[in-house]
Amino acid sequence: MQLLAFSGQAAFGFLPFELLTDTGYSLETILTQAGVSSRGVFITGYSNGYYGYLIPQKEMMAGNYETEGAAVWADLPQCCEQSERAVLDGFRRMAAENGAL
C-alpha cells in the first residue's frame, strides 16, 4: 500500500486489491479526517500487484463471488475477517505519519 499526498489538496491511495464500495468509502473517510478535501481523494485498486478482493468483515457471511469464488479462481489467498481492518489500520497509520496532510 502507498499514500501520496499533496499538502491537503489531494491524496492518492494505492492498494493491491479489488475494493468493494464500503472499503473505498472508509479509506476516503480516513483521508478527509486527516484534512484532505473529499474532492481530492483518489483511491486506486490493482496497484503494485494484485491480491484479490479485500472483503469487508460484514460481507464475509454473504457467500457471494467475492467472498467464496474469486480467490479460488485467481489462485490467491483468501481474506479473513481481520483483513480489511488490518488494511484500514495501516492506512490510518500512513495518513497520520504523512506530514503532507
PDB file of N, CA and C in Angstrom:
ATOM      1  N   MET A   1       0.848  -1.173   0.000  1.00  0.00           N
ATOM      2  CA  MET A   1       0.000   0.000   0.000  1.00  0.00           C
ATOM      3  C   MET A   1       0.887   1.226   0.000  1.00  0.00           C
ATOM      4  N   GLN A   2       0.392   2.274  -0.652  1.00  0.00           N
ATOM      5  CA  GLN A   2       1.116   3.541  -0.679  1.00  0.00           C
ATOM      6  C   GLN A   2       0.133   4.696  -0.547  1.00  0.00           C
ATOM      7  N   LEU A   3       0.649   5.799  -0.031  1.00  0.00           N
ATOM      8  CA  LEU A   3      -0.124   7.022   0.076  1.00  0.00           C
ATOM      9  C   LEU A   3       0.722   8.158  -0.453  1.00  0.00           C
ATOM     10  N   LEU A   4       0.183   8.893  -1.394  1.00  0.00           N
ATOM     11  CA  LEU A   4       0.843  10.058  -1.960  1.00  0.00           C
ATOM     12  C   LEU A   4      -0.071  11.250  -1.710  1.00  0.00           C
ATOM     13  N   ALA A   5       0.421  12.232  -0.956  1.00  0.00           N
ATOM     14  CA  ALA A   5      -0.421  13.367  -0.573  1.00  0.00           C
ATOM     15  C   ALA A   5       0.242  14.681  -0.963  1.00  0.00           C
ATOM     16  N   PHE A   6      -0.595  15.667  -1.280  1.00  0.00           N
ATOM     17  CA  PHE A   6      -0.132  16.979  -1.711  1.00  0.00           C
ATOM     18  C   PHE A   6      -0.747  18.070  -0.842  1.00  0.00           C
ATOM     19  N   SER A   7      -0.122  18.358   0.275  1.00  0.00           N
ATOM     20  CA  SER A   7      -0.481  19.476   1.157  1.00  0.00           C
ATOM     21  C   SER A   7      -1.977  19.630   1.398  1.00  0.00           C
ATOM     22  N   GLY A   8      -2.672  18.554   1.618  1.00  0.00           N
ATOM     23  CA  GLY A   8      -4.095  18.624   1.914  1.00  0.00           C
ATOM     24  C   GLY A   8      -4.984  18.872   0.713  1.00  0.00           C
ATOM     25  N   GLN A   9      -4.384  19.124  -0.441  1.00  0.00           N
ATOM     26  CA  GLN A   9      -5.171  19.390  -1.643  1.00  0.00           C
ATOM     27  C   GLN A   9      -5.638  18.111  -2.328  1.00  0.00           C
ATOM     28  N   ALA A  10      -4.787  17.119  -2.310  1.00  0.00           N
ATOM     29  CA  ALA A  10      -5.120  15.850  -2.952  1.00  0.00           C
ATOM     30  C   ALA A  10      -4.343  14.726  -2.276  1.00  0.00           C
ATOM     31  N   ALA A  11      -4.907  13.544  -2.323  1.00  0.00           N
ATOM     32  CA  ALA A  11      -4.233  12.364  -1.796  1.00  0.00           C
ATOM     33  C   ALA A  11      -4.624  11.168  -2.652  1.00  0.00           C
ATOM     34  N   PHE A  12      -3.640  10.357  -2.956  1.00  0.00           N
ATOM     35  CA  PHE A  12      -3.840   9.146  -3.739  1.00  0.00           C
ATOM     36  C   PHE A  12      -3.487   7.953  -2.868  1.00  0.00           C
ATOM     37  N   GLY A  13      -4.416   7.043  -2.733  1.00  0.00           N
ATOM     38  CA  GLY A  13      -4.169   5.803  -2.005  1.00  0.00           C
ATOM     39  C   GLY A  13      -4.059   4.668  -2.999  1.00  0.00           C
ATOM     40  N   PHE A  14      -2.957   3.954  -2.961  1.00  0.00           N
ATOM     41  CA  PHE A  14      -2.710   2.848  -3.884  1.00  0.00           C
ATOM     42  C   PHE A  14      -2.742   1.537  -3.107  1.00  0.00           C
ATOM     43  N   LEU A  15      -3.626   0.642  -3.512  1.00  0.00           N
ATOM     44  CA  LEU A  15      -3.782  -0.639  -2.825  1.00  0.00           C
ATOM     45  C   LEU A  15      -3.779  -1.777  -3.839  1.00  0.00           C
ATOM     46  N   PRO A  16      -3.199  -2.923  -3.484  1.00  0.00           N
ATOM     47  CA  PRO A  16      -3.128  -4.039  -4.420  1.00  0.00           C
ATOM     48  C   PRO A  16      -4.345  -4.968  -4.362  1.00  0.00           C
ATOM     49  N   PHE A  17      -5.512  -4.403  -4.148  1.00  0.00           N
ATOM     50  CA  PHE A  17      -6.728  -5.202  -4.012  1.00  0.00           C
ATOM     51  C   PHE A  17      -7.818  -4.661  -4.914  1.00  0.00           C
ATOM     52  N   GLU A  18      -8.800  -5.501  -5.170  1.00  0.00           N
ATOM     53  CA  GLU A  18     -10.057  -5.016  -5.709  1.00  0.00           C
ATOM     54  C   GLU A  18     -10.911  -4.683  -4.497  1.00  0.00           C
ATOM     55  N   LEU A  19     -11.412  -3.462  -4.449  1.00  0.00           N
ATOM     56  CA  LEU A  19     -12.129  -2.985  -3.265  1.00  0.00           C
ATOM     57  C   LEU A  19     -13.629  -2.966  -3.499  1.00  0.00           C
ATOM     58  N   LEU A  20     -14.371  -3.237  -2.464  1.00  0.00           N
ATOM     59  CA  LEU A  20     -15.805  -3.029  -2.503  1.00  0.00           C
ATOM     60  C   LEU A  20     -16.082  -1.592  -2.067  1.00  0.00           C
ATOM     61  N   THR A  21     -17.242  -1.083  -2.393  1.00  0.00           N
ATOM     62  CA  THR A  21     -17.574   0.327  -2.173  1.00  0.00           C
ATOM     63  C   THR A  21     -17.376   0.767  -0.736  1.00  0.00           C
ATOM     64  N   ASP A  22     -17.821  -0.022   0.225  1.00  0.00           N
ATOM     65  CA  ASP A  22     -17.712   0.378   1.634  1.00  0.00           C
ATOM     66  C   ASP A  22     -16.259   0.580   2.061  1.00  0.00           C
ATOM     67  N   THR A  23     -15.364  -0.264   1.563  1.00  0.00           N
ATOM     68  CA  THR A  23     -13.952  -0.114   1.911  1.00  0.00           C
ATOM     69  C   THR A  23     -13.384   1.158   1.299  1.00  0.00           C
ATOM     70  N   GLY A  24     -13.726   1.430   0.049  1.00  0.00           N
ATOM     71  CA  GLY A  24     -13.279   2.673  -0.587  1.00  0.00           C
ATOM     72  C   GLY A  24     -13.777   3.891   0.170  1.00  0.00           C
ATOM     73  N   TYR A  25     -15.023   3.834   0.618  1.00  0.00           N
ATOM     74  CA  TYR A  25     -15.568   4.943   1.396  1.00  0.00           C
ATOM     75  C   TYR A  25     -14.829   5.094   2.723  1.00  0.00           C
ATOM     76  N   SER A  26     -14.499   3.988   3.370  1.00  0.00           N
ATOM     77  CA  SER A  26     -13.750   4.054   4.634  1.00  0.00           C
ATOM     78  C   SER A  26     -12.376   4.684   4.424  1.00  0.00           C
ATOM     79  N   LEU A  27     -11.715   4.339   3.329  1.00  0.00           N
ATOM     80  CA  LEU A  27     -10.412   4.932   3.023  1.00  0.00           C
ATOM     81  C   LEU A  27     -10.544   6.425   2.748  1.00  0.00           C
ATOM     82  N   GLU A  28     -11.588   6.815   2.021  1.00  0.00           N
ATOM     83  CA  GLU A  28     -11.835   8.235   1.768  1.00  0.00           C
ATOM     84  C   GLU A  28     -12.072   8.980   3.080  1.00  0.00           C
ATOM     85  N   THR A  29     -12.820   8.380   3.988  1.00  0.00           N
ATOM     86  CA  THR A  29     -13.096   8.997   5.282  1.00  0.00           C
ATOM     87  C   THR A  29     -11.812   9.203   6.081  1.00  0.00           C
ATOM     88  N   ILE A  30     -10.931   8.210   6.062  1.00  0.00           N
ATOM     89  CA  ILE A  30      -9.646   8.348   6.756  1.00  0.00           C
ATOM     90  C   ILE A  30      -8.895   9.565   6.228  1.00  0.00           C
ATOM     91  N   LEU A  31      -8.864   9.746   4.927  1.00  0.00           N
ATOM     92  CA  LEU A  31      -8.121  10.869   4.346  1.00  0.00           C
ATOM     93  C   LEU A  31      -8.813  12.208   4.566  1.00  0.00           C
ATOM     94  N   THR A  32     -10.131  12.235   4.517  1.00  0.00           N
ATOM     95  CA  THR A  32     -10.813  13.511   4.768  1.00  0.00           C
ATOM     96  C   THR A  32     -10.664  13.913   6.235  1.00  0.00           C
ATOM     97  N   GLN A  33     -10.664  12.939   7.141  1.00  0.00           N
ATOM     98  CA  GLN A  33     -10.444  13.256   8.553  1.00  0.00           C
ATOM     99  C   GLN A  33      -9.020  13.746   8.792  1.00  0.00           C
ATOM    100  N   ALA A  34      -8.109  13.378   7.898  1.00  0.00           N
ATOM    101  CA  ALA A  34      -6.724  13.847   8.005  1.00  0.00           C
ATOM    102  C   ALA A  34      -6.544  15.216   7.353  1.00  0.00           C
ATOM    103  N   GLY A  35      -7.617  15.762   6.760  1.00  0.00           N
ATOM    104  CA  GLY A  35      -7.555  17.115   6.245  1.00  0.00           C
ATOM    105  C   GLY A  35      -7.605  17.276   4.747  1.00  0.00           C
ATOM    106  N   VAL A  36      -7.808  16.208   4.003  1.00  0.00           N
ATOM    107  CA  VAL A  36      -7.889  16.305   2.543  1.00  0.00           C
ATOM    108  C   VAL A  36      -9.346  16.489   2.142  1.00  0.00           C
ATOM    109  N   SER A  37      -9.583  17.393   1.205  1.00  0.00           N
ATOM    110  CA  SER A  37     -10.931  17.582   0.681  1.00  0.00           C
ATOM    111  C   SER A  37     -11.395  16.298   0.005  1.00  0.00           C
ATOM    112  N   SER A  38     -12.652  15.917   0.191  1.00  0.00           N
ATOM    113  CA  SER A  38     -13.157  14.686  -0.426  1.00  0.00           C
ATOM    114  C   SER A  38     -13.056  14.737  -1.947  1.00  0.00           C
ATOM    115  N   ARG A  39     -13.078  15.928  -2.510  1.00  0.00           N
ATOM    116  CA  ARG A  39     -12.929  16.068  -3.970  1.00  0.00           C
ATOM    117  C   ARG A  39     -11.510  15.755  -4.422  1.00  0.00           C
ATOM    118  N   GLY A  40     -10.565  15.741  -3.500  1.00  0.00           N
ATOM    119  CA  GLY A  40      -9.184  15.475  -3.834  1.00  0.00           C
ATOM    120  C   GLY A  40      -8.686  14.106  -3.431  1.00  0.00           C
ATOM    121  N   VAL A  41      -9.602  13.212  -3.066  1.00  0.00           N
ATOM    122  CA  VAL A  41      -9.209  11.862  -2.649  1.00  0.00           C
ATOM    123  C   VAL A  41      -9.391  10.899  -3.820  1.00  0.00           C
ATOM    124  N   PHE A  42      -8.346  10.146  -4.101  1.00  0.00           N
ATOM    125  CA  PHE A  42      -8.374   9.175  -5.185  1.00  0.00           C
ATOM    126  C   PHE A  42      -7.852   7.836  -4.647  1.00  0.00           C
ATOM    127  N   ILE A  43      -8.706   6.843  -4.637  1.00  0.00           N
ATOM    128  CA  ILE A  43      -8.341   5.510  -4.158  1.00  0.00           C
ATOM    129  C   ILE A  43      -8.202   4.615  -5.384  1.00  0.00           C
ATOM    130  N   THR A  44      -7.060   3.974  -5.493  1.00  0.00           N
ATOM    131  CA  THR A  44      -6.762   3.174  -6.671  1.00  0.00           C
ATOM    132  C   THR A  44      -6.478   1.734  -6.267  1.00  0.00           C
ATOM    133  N   GLY A  45      -7.263   0.829  -6.773  1.00  0.00           N
ATOM    134  CA  GLY A  45      -7.035  -0.590  -6.556  1.00  0.00           C
ATOM    135  C   GLY A  45      -6.141  -1.152  -7.649  1.00  0.00           C
ATOM    136  N   TYR A  46      -5.815  -2.410  -7.537  1.00  0.00           N
ATOM    137  CA  TYR A  46      -4.965  -3.106  -8.521  1.00  0.00           C
ATOM    138  C   TYR A  46      -3.594  -2.453  -8.663  1.00  0.00           C
ATOM    139  N   SER A  47      -3.099  -1.799  -7.636  1.00  0.00           N
ATOM    140  CA  SER A  47      -1.826  -1.077  -7.718  1.00  0.00           C
ATOM    141  C   SER A  47      -0.692  -1.905  -7.136  1.00  0.00           C
ATOM    142  N   ASN A  48       0.419  -1.944  -7.825  1.00  0.00           N
ATOM    143  CA  ASN A  48       1.630  -2.622  -7.341  1.00  0.00           C
ATOM    144  C   ASN A  48       1.399  -4.104  -7.087  1.00  0.00           C
ATOM    145  N   GLY A  49       0.648  -4.730  -7.929  1.00  0.00           N
ATOM    146  CA  GLY A  49       0.346  -6.143  -7.776  1.00  0.00           C
ATOM    147  C   GLY A  49      -1.146  -6.351  -7.599  1.00  0.00           C
ATOM    148  N   TYR A  50      -1.528  -7.584  -7.414  1.00  0.00           N
ATOM    149  CA  TYR A  50      -2.947  -7.894  -7.227  1.00  0.00           C
ATOM    150  C   TYR A  50      -3.078  -9.031  -6.230  1.00  0.00           C
ATOM    151  N   TYR A  51      -3.827  -8.799  -5.158  1.00  0.00           N
ATOM    152  CA  TYR A  51      -4.033  -9.803  -4.123  1.00  0.00           C
ATOM    153  C   TYR A  51      -5.493 -10.187  -3.970  1.00  0.00           C
ATOM    154  N   GLY A  52      -6.300  -9.910  -4.980  1.00  0.00           N
ATOM    155  CA  GLY A  52      -7.700 -10.315  -4.951  1.00  0.00           C
ATOM    156  C   GLY A  52      -8.596  -9.291  -4.287  1.00  0.00           C
ATOM    157  N   TYR A  53      -9.801  -9.725  -3.961  1.00  0.00           N
ATOM    158  CA  TYR A  53     -10.783  -8.860  -3.307  1.00  0.00           C
ATOM    159  C   TYR A  53     -10.402  -8.640  -1.851  1.00  0.00           C
ATOM    160  N   LEU A  54     -10.552  -7.399  -1.406  1.00  0.00           N
ATOM    161  CA  LEU A  54     -10.431  -7.091   0.012  1.00  0.00           C
ATOM    162  C   LEU A  54     -11.858  -7.047   0.546  1.00  0.00           C
ATOM    163  N   ILE A  55     -12.226  -8.049   1.300  1.00  0.00           N
ATOM    164  CA  ILE A  55     -13.617  -8.236   1.716  1.00  0.00           C
ATOM    165  C   ILE A  55     -13.868  -7.596   3.077  1.00  0.00           C
ATOM    166  N   PRO A  56     -14.860  -6.699   3.181  1.00  0.00           N
ATOM    167  CA  PRO A  56     -15.239  -6.186   4.494  1.00  0.00           C
ATOM    168  C   PRO A  56     -15.779  -7.325   5.365  1.00  0.00           C
ATOM    169  N   GLN A  57     -15.532  -7.251   6.653  1.00  0.00           N
ATOM    170  CA  GLN A  57     -15.955  -8.305   7.574  1.00  0.00           C
ATOM    171  C   GLN A  57     -17.446  -8.597   7.454  1.00  0.00           C
ATOM    172  N   LYS A  58     -18.254  -7.549   7.309  1.00  0.00           N
ATOM    173  CA  LYS A  58     -19.702  -7.770   7.243  1.00  0.00           C
ATOM    174  C   LYS A  58     -20.128  -8.527   5.987  1.00  0.00           C
ATOM    175  N   GLU A  59     -19.260  -8.581   4.972  1.00  0.00           N
ATOM    176  CA  GLU A  59     -19.570  -9.311   3.743  1.00  0.00           C
ATOM    177  C   GLU A  59     -19.122 -10.766   3.788  1.00  0.00           C
ATOM    178  N   MET A  60     -18.325 -11.131   4.787  1.00  0.00           N
ATOM    179  CA  MET A  60     -17.762 -12.476   4.840  1.00  0.00           C
ATOM    180  C   MET A  60     -18.843 -13.564   4.874  1.00  0.00           C
ATOM    181  N   MET A  61     -19.940 -13.284   5.511  1.00  0.00           N
ATOM    182  CA  MET A  61     -21.003 -14.286   5.636  1.00  0.00           C
ATOM    183  C   MET A  61     -21.929 -14.313   4.428  1.00  0.00           C
ATOM    184  N   ALA A  62     -21.794 -13.382   3.503  1.00  0.00           N
ATOM    185  CA  ALA A  62     -22.705 -13.297   2.370  1.00  0.00           C
ATOM    186  C   ALA A  62     -22.574 -14.492   1.433  1.00  0.00           C
ATOM    187  N   GLY A  63     -21.364 -15.037   1.322  1.00  0.00           N
ATOM    188  CA  GLY A  63     -21.177 -16.213   0.488  1.00  0.00           C
ATOM    189  C   GLY A  63     -21.325 -15.946  -0.994  1.00  0.00           C
ATOM    190  N   ASN A  64     -20.966 -14.761  -1.443  1.00  0.00           N
ATOM    191  CA  ASN A  64     -21.080 -14.441  -2.862  1.00  0.00           C
ATOM    192  C   ASN A  64     -19.745 -14.653  -3.584  1.00  0.00           C
ATOM    193  N   TYR A  65     -19.686 -14.276  -4.828  1.00  0.00           N
ATOM    194  CA  TYR A  65     -18.494 -14.488  -5.646  1.00  0.00           C
ATOM    195  C   TYR A  65     -17.242 -13.906  -5.007  1.00  0.00           C
ATOM    196  N   GLU A  66     -17.342 -12.668  -4.506  1.00  0.00           N
ATOM    197  CA  GLU A  66     -16.174 -12.012  -3.933  1.00  0.00           C
ATOM    198  C   GLU A  66     -15.651 -12.740  -2.699  1.00  0.00           C
ATOM    199  N   THR A  67     -16.551 -13.297  -1.913  1.00  0.00           N
ATOM    200  CA  THR A  67     -16.124 -13.911  -0.658  1.00  0.00           C
ATOM    201  C   THR A  67     -15.751 -15.385  -0.794  1.00  0.00           C
ATOM    202  N   GLU A  68     -16.273 -16.068  -1.795  1.00  0.00           N
ATOM    203  CA  GLU A  68     -16.014 -17.504  -1.897  1.00  0.00           C
ATOM    204  C   GLU A  68     -15.286 -17.929  -3.161  1.00  0.00           C
ATOM    205  N   GLY A  69     -15.629 -17.353  -4.291  1.00  0.00           N
ATOM    206  CA  GLY A  69     -15.118 -17.882  -5.541  1.00  0.00           C
ATOM    207  C   GLY A  69     -13.900 -17.207  -6.115  1.00  0.00           C
ATOM    208  N   ALA A  70     -13.812 -15.903  -5.990  1.00  0.00           N
ATOM    209  CA  ALA A  70     -12.780 -15.151  -6.704  1.00  0.00           C
ATOM    210  C   ALA A  70     -11.367 -15.581  -6.345  1.00  0.00           C
ATOM    211  N   ALA A  71     -11.082 -15.757  -5.089  1.00  0.00           N
ATOM    212  CA  ALA A  71      -9.722 -16.119  -4.681  1.00  0.00           C
ATOM    213  C   ALA A  71      -9.340 -17.496  -5.223  1.00  0.00           C
ATOM    214  N   VAL A  72     -10.273 -18.408  -5.223  1.00  0.00           N
ATOM    215  CA  VAL A  72     -10.010 -19.755  -5.727  1.00  0.00           C
ATOM    216  C   VAL A  72      -9.699 -19.711  -7.216  1.00  0.00           C
ATOM    217  N   TRP A  73     -10.535 -18.994  -7.963  1.00  0.00           N
ATOM    218  CA  TRP A  73     -10.350 -18.936  -9.418  1.00  0.00           C
ATOM    219  C   TRP A  73      -9.091 -18.184  -9.795  1.00  0.00           C
ATOM    220  N   ALA A  74      -8.674 -17.226  -8.999  1.00  0.00           N
ATOM    221  CA  ALA A  74      -7.471 -16.444  -9.295  1.00  0.00           C
ATOM    222  C   ALA A  74      -6.228 -17.041  -8.643  1.00  0.00           C
ATOM    223  N   ASP A  75      -6.375 -18.154  -7.908  1.00  0.00           N
ATOM    224  CA  ASP A  75      -5.280 -18.822  -7.210  1.00  0.00           C
ATOM    225  C   ASP A  75      -4.568 -17.858  -6.254  1.00  0.00           C
ATOM    226  N   LEU A  76      -5.371 -17.159  -5.450  1.00  0.00           N
ATOM    227  CA  LEU A  76      -4.859 -16.187  -4.484  1.00  0.00           C
ATOM    228  C   LEU A  76      -5.290 -16.596  -3.079  1.00  0.00           C
ATOM    229  N   PRO A  77      -4.592 -16.082  -2.052  1.00  0.00           N
ATOM    230  CA  PRO A  77      -5.043 -16.362  -0.686  1.00  0.00           C
ATOM    231  C   PRO A  77      -6.387 -15.697  -0.415  1.00  0.00           C
ATOM    232  N   GLN A  78      -7.168 -16.315   0.406  1.00  0.00           N
ATOM    233  CA  GLN A  78      -8.484 -15.795   0.768  1.00  0.00           C
ATOM    234  C   GLN A  78      -8.344 -14.788   1.906  1.00  0.00           C
ATOM    235  N   CYS A  79      -9.150 -13.740   1.888  1.00  0.00           N
ATOM    236  CA  CYS A  79      -9.196 -12.793   3.003  1.00  0.00           C
ATOM    237  C   CYS A  79      -9.776 -13.488   4.229  1.00  0.00           C
ATOM    238  N   CYS A  80      -9.439 -12.959   5.385  1.00  0.00           N
ATOM    239  CA  CYS A  80     -10.057 -13.422   6.618  1.00  0.00           C
ATOM    240  C   CYS A  80     -10.811 -12.249   7.226  1.00  0.00           C
ATOM    241  N   GLU A  81     -11.467 -12.477   8.330  1.00  0.00           N
ATOM    242  CA  GLU A  81     -12.285 -11.432   8.940  1.00  0.00           C
ATOM    243  C   GLU A  81     -11.470 -10.214   9.366  1.00  0.00           C
ATOM    244  N   GLN A  82     -10.187 -10.374   9.614  1.00  0.00           N
ATOM    245  CA  GLN A  82      -9.345  -9.264  10.062  1.00  0.00           C
ATOM    246  C   GLN A  82      -8.662  -8.527   8.908  1.00  0.00           C
ATOM    247  N   SER A  83      -8.780  -9.008   7.690  1.00  0.00           N
ATOM    248  CA  SER A  83      -8.033  -8.441   6.565  1.00  0.00           C
ATOM    249  C   SER A  83      -8.352  -6.967   6.323  1.00  0.00           C
ATOM    250  N   GLU A  84      -9.628  -6.643   6.175  1.00  0.00           N
ATOM    251  CA  GLU A  84      -9.976  -5.252   5.887  1.00  0.00           C
ATOM    252  C   GLU A  84      -9.548  -4.340   7.036  1.00  0.00           C
ATOM    253  N   ARG A  85      -9.787  -4.753   8.265  1.00  0.00           N
ATOM    254  CA  ARG A  85      -9.415  -3.944   9.424  1.00  0.00           C
ATOM    255  C   ARG A  85      -7.904  -3.673   9.429  1.00  0.00           C
ATOM    256  N   ALA A  86      -7.110  -4.688   9.114  1.00  0.00           N
ATOM    257  CA  ALA A  86      -5.654  -4.512   9.084  1.00  0.00           C
ATOM    258  C   ALA A  86      -5.239  -3.506   8.016  1.00  0.00           C
ATOM    259  N   VAL A  87      -5.876  -3.562   6.865  1.00  0.00           N
ATOM    260  CA  VAL A  87      -5.564  -2.608   5.797  1.00  0.00           C
ATOM    261  C   VAL A  87      -5.982  -1.198   6.202  1.00  0.00           C
ATOM    262  N   LEU A  88      -7.169  -1.046   6.753  1.00  0.00           N
ATOM    263  CA  LEU A  88      -7.631   0.280   7.187  1.00  0.00           C
ATOM    264  C   LEU A  88      -6.739   0.843   8.292  1.00  0.00           C
ATOM    265  N   ASP A  89      -6.339   0.006   9.237  1.00  0.00           N
ATOM    266  CA  ASP A  89      -5.440   0.466  10.305  1.00  0.00           C
ATOM    267  C   ASP A  89      -4.096   0.895   9.729  1.00  0.00           C
ATOM    268  N   GLY A  90      -3.582   0.137   8.774  1.00  0.00           N
ATOM    269  CA  GLY A  90      -2.328   0.508   8.126  1.00  0.00           C
ATOM    270  C   GLY A  90      -2.453   1.823   7.386  1.00  0.00           C
ATOM    271  N   PHE A  91      -3.574   2.041   6.756  1.00  0.00           N
ATOM    272  CA  PHE A  91      -3.798   3.287   6.033  1.00  0.00           C
ATOM    273  C   PHE A  91      -3.922   4.458   7.002  1.00  0.00           C
ATOM    274  N   ARG A  92      -4.568   4.237   8.144  1.00  0.00           N
ATOM    275  CA  ARG A  92      -4.646   5.290   9.171  1.00  0.00           C
ATOM    276  C   ARG A  92      -3.250   5.680   9.651  1.00  0.00           C
ATOM    277  N   ARG A  93      -2.402   4.694   9.858  1.00  0.00           N
ATOM    278  CA  ARG A  93      -1.027   4.986  10.284  1.00  0.00           C
ATOM    279  C   ARG A  93      -0.282   5.793   9.226  1.00  0.00           C
ATOM    280  N   MET A  94      -0.437   5.406   7.966  1.00  0.00           N
ATOM    281  CA  MET A  94       0.234   6.153   6.905  1.00  0.00           C
ATOM    282  C   MET A  94      -0.280   7.582   6.835  1.00  0.00           C
ATOM    283  N   ALA A  95      -1.576   7.775   6.986  1.00  0.00           N
ATOM    284  CA  ALA A  95      -2.134   9.134   6.948  1.00  0.00           C
ATOM    285  C   ALA A  95      -1.636   9.953   8.122  1.00  0.00           C
ATOM    286  N   ALA A  96      -1.552   9.341   9.289  1.00  0.00           N
ATOM    287  CA  ALA A  96      -1.086  10.057  10.484  1.00  0.00           C
ATOM    288  C   ALA A  96       0.400  10.408  10.383  1.00  0.00           C
ATOM    289  N   GLU A  97       1.178   9.544   9.768  1.00  0.00           N
ATOM    290  CA  GLU A  97       2.617   9.763   9.653  1.00  0.00           C
ATOM    291  C   GLU A  97       2.986  10.688   8.504  1.00  0.00           C
ATOM    292  N   ASN A  98       2.070  10.922   7.593  1.00  0.00           N
ATOM    293  CA  ASN A  98       2.377  11.705   6.407  1.00  0.00           C
ATOM    294  C   ASN A  98       2.226  13.190   6.723  1.00  0.00           C
ATOM    295  N   GLY A  99       3.328  13.885   6.820  1.00  0.00           N
ATOM    296  CA  GLY A  99       3.311  15.301   7.165  1.00  0.00           C
ATOM    297  C   GLY A  99       2.679  16.180   6.102  1.00  0.00           C
ATOM    298  N   ALA A 100       2.497  15.660   4.883  1.00  0.00           N
ATOM    299  CA  ALA A 100       1.917  16.459   3.797  1.00  0.00           C
ATOM    300  C   ALA A 100       0.427  16.657   3.962  1.00  0.00           C
ATOM    301  N   LEU A 101      -0.213  15.845   4.828  1.00  0.00           N
ATOM    302  CA  LEU A 101      -1.649  16.022   5.039  1.00  0.00           C
ATOM    303  C   LEU A 101      -1.839  17.170   5.986  1.00  0.00           C
TER     304      LEU A 101
END
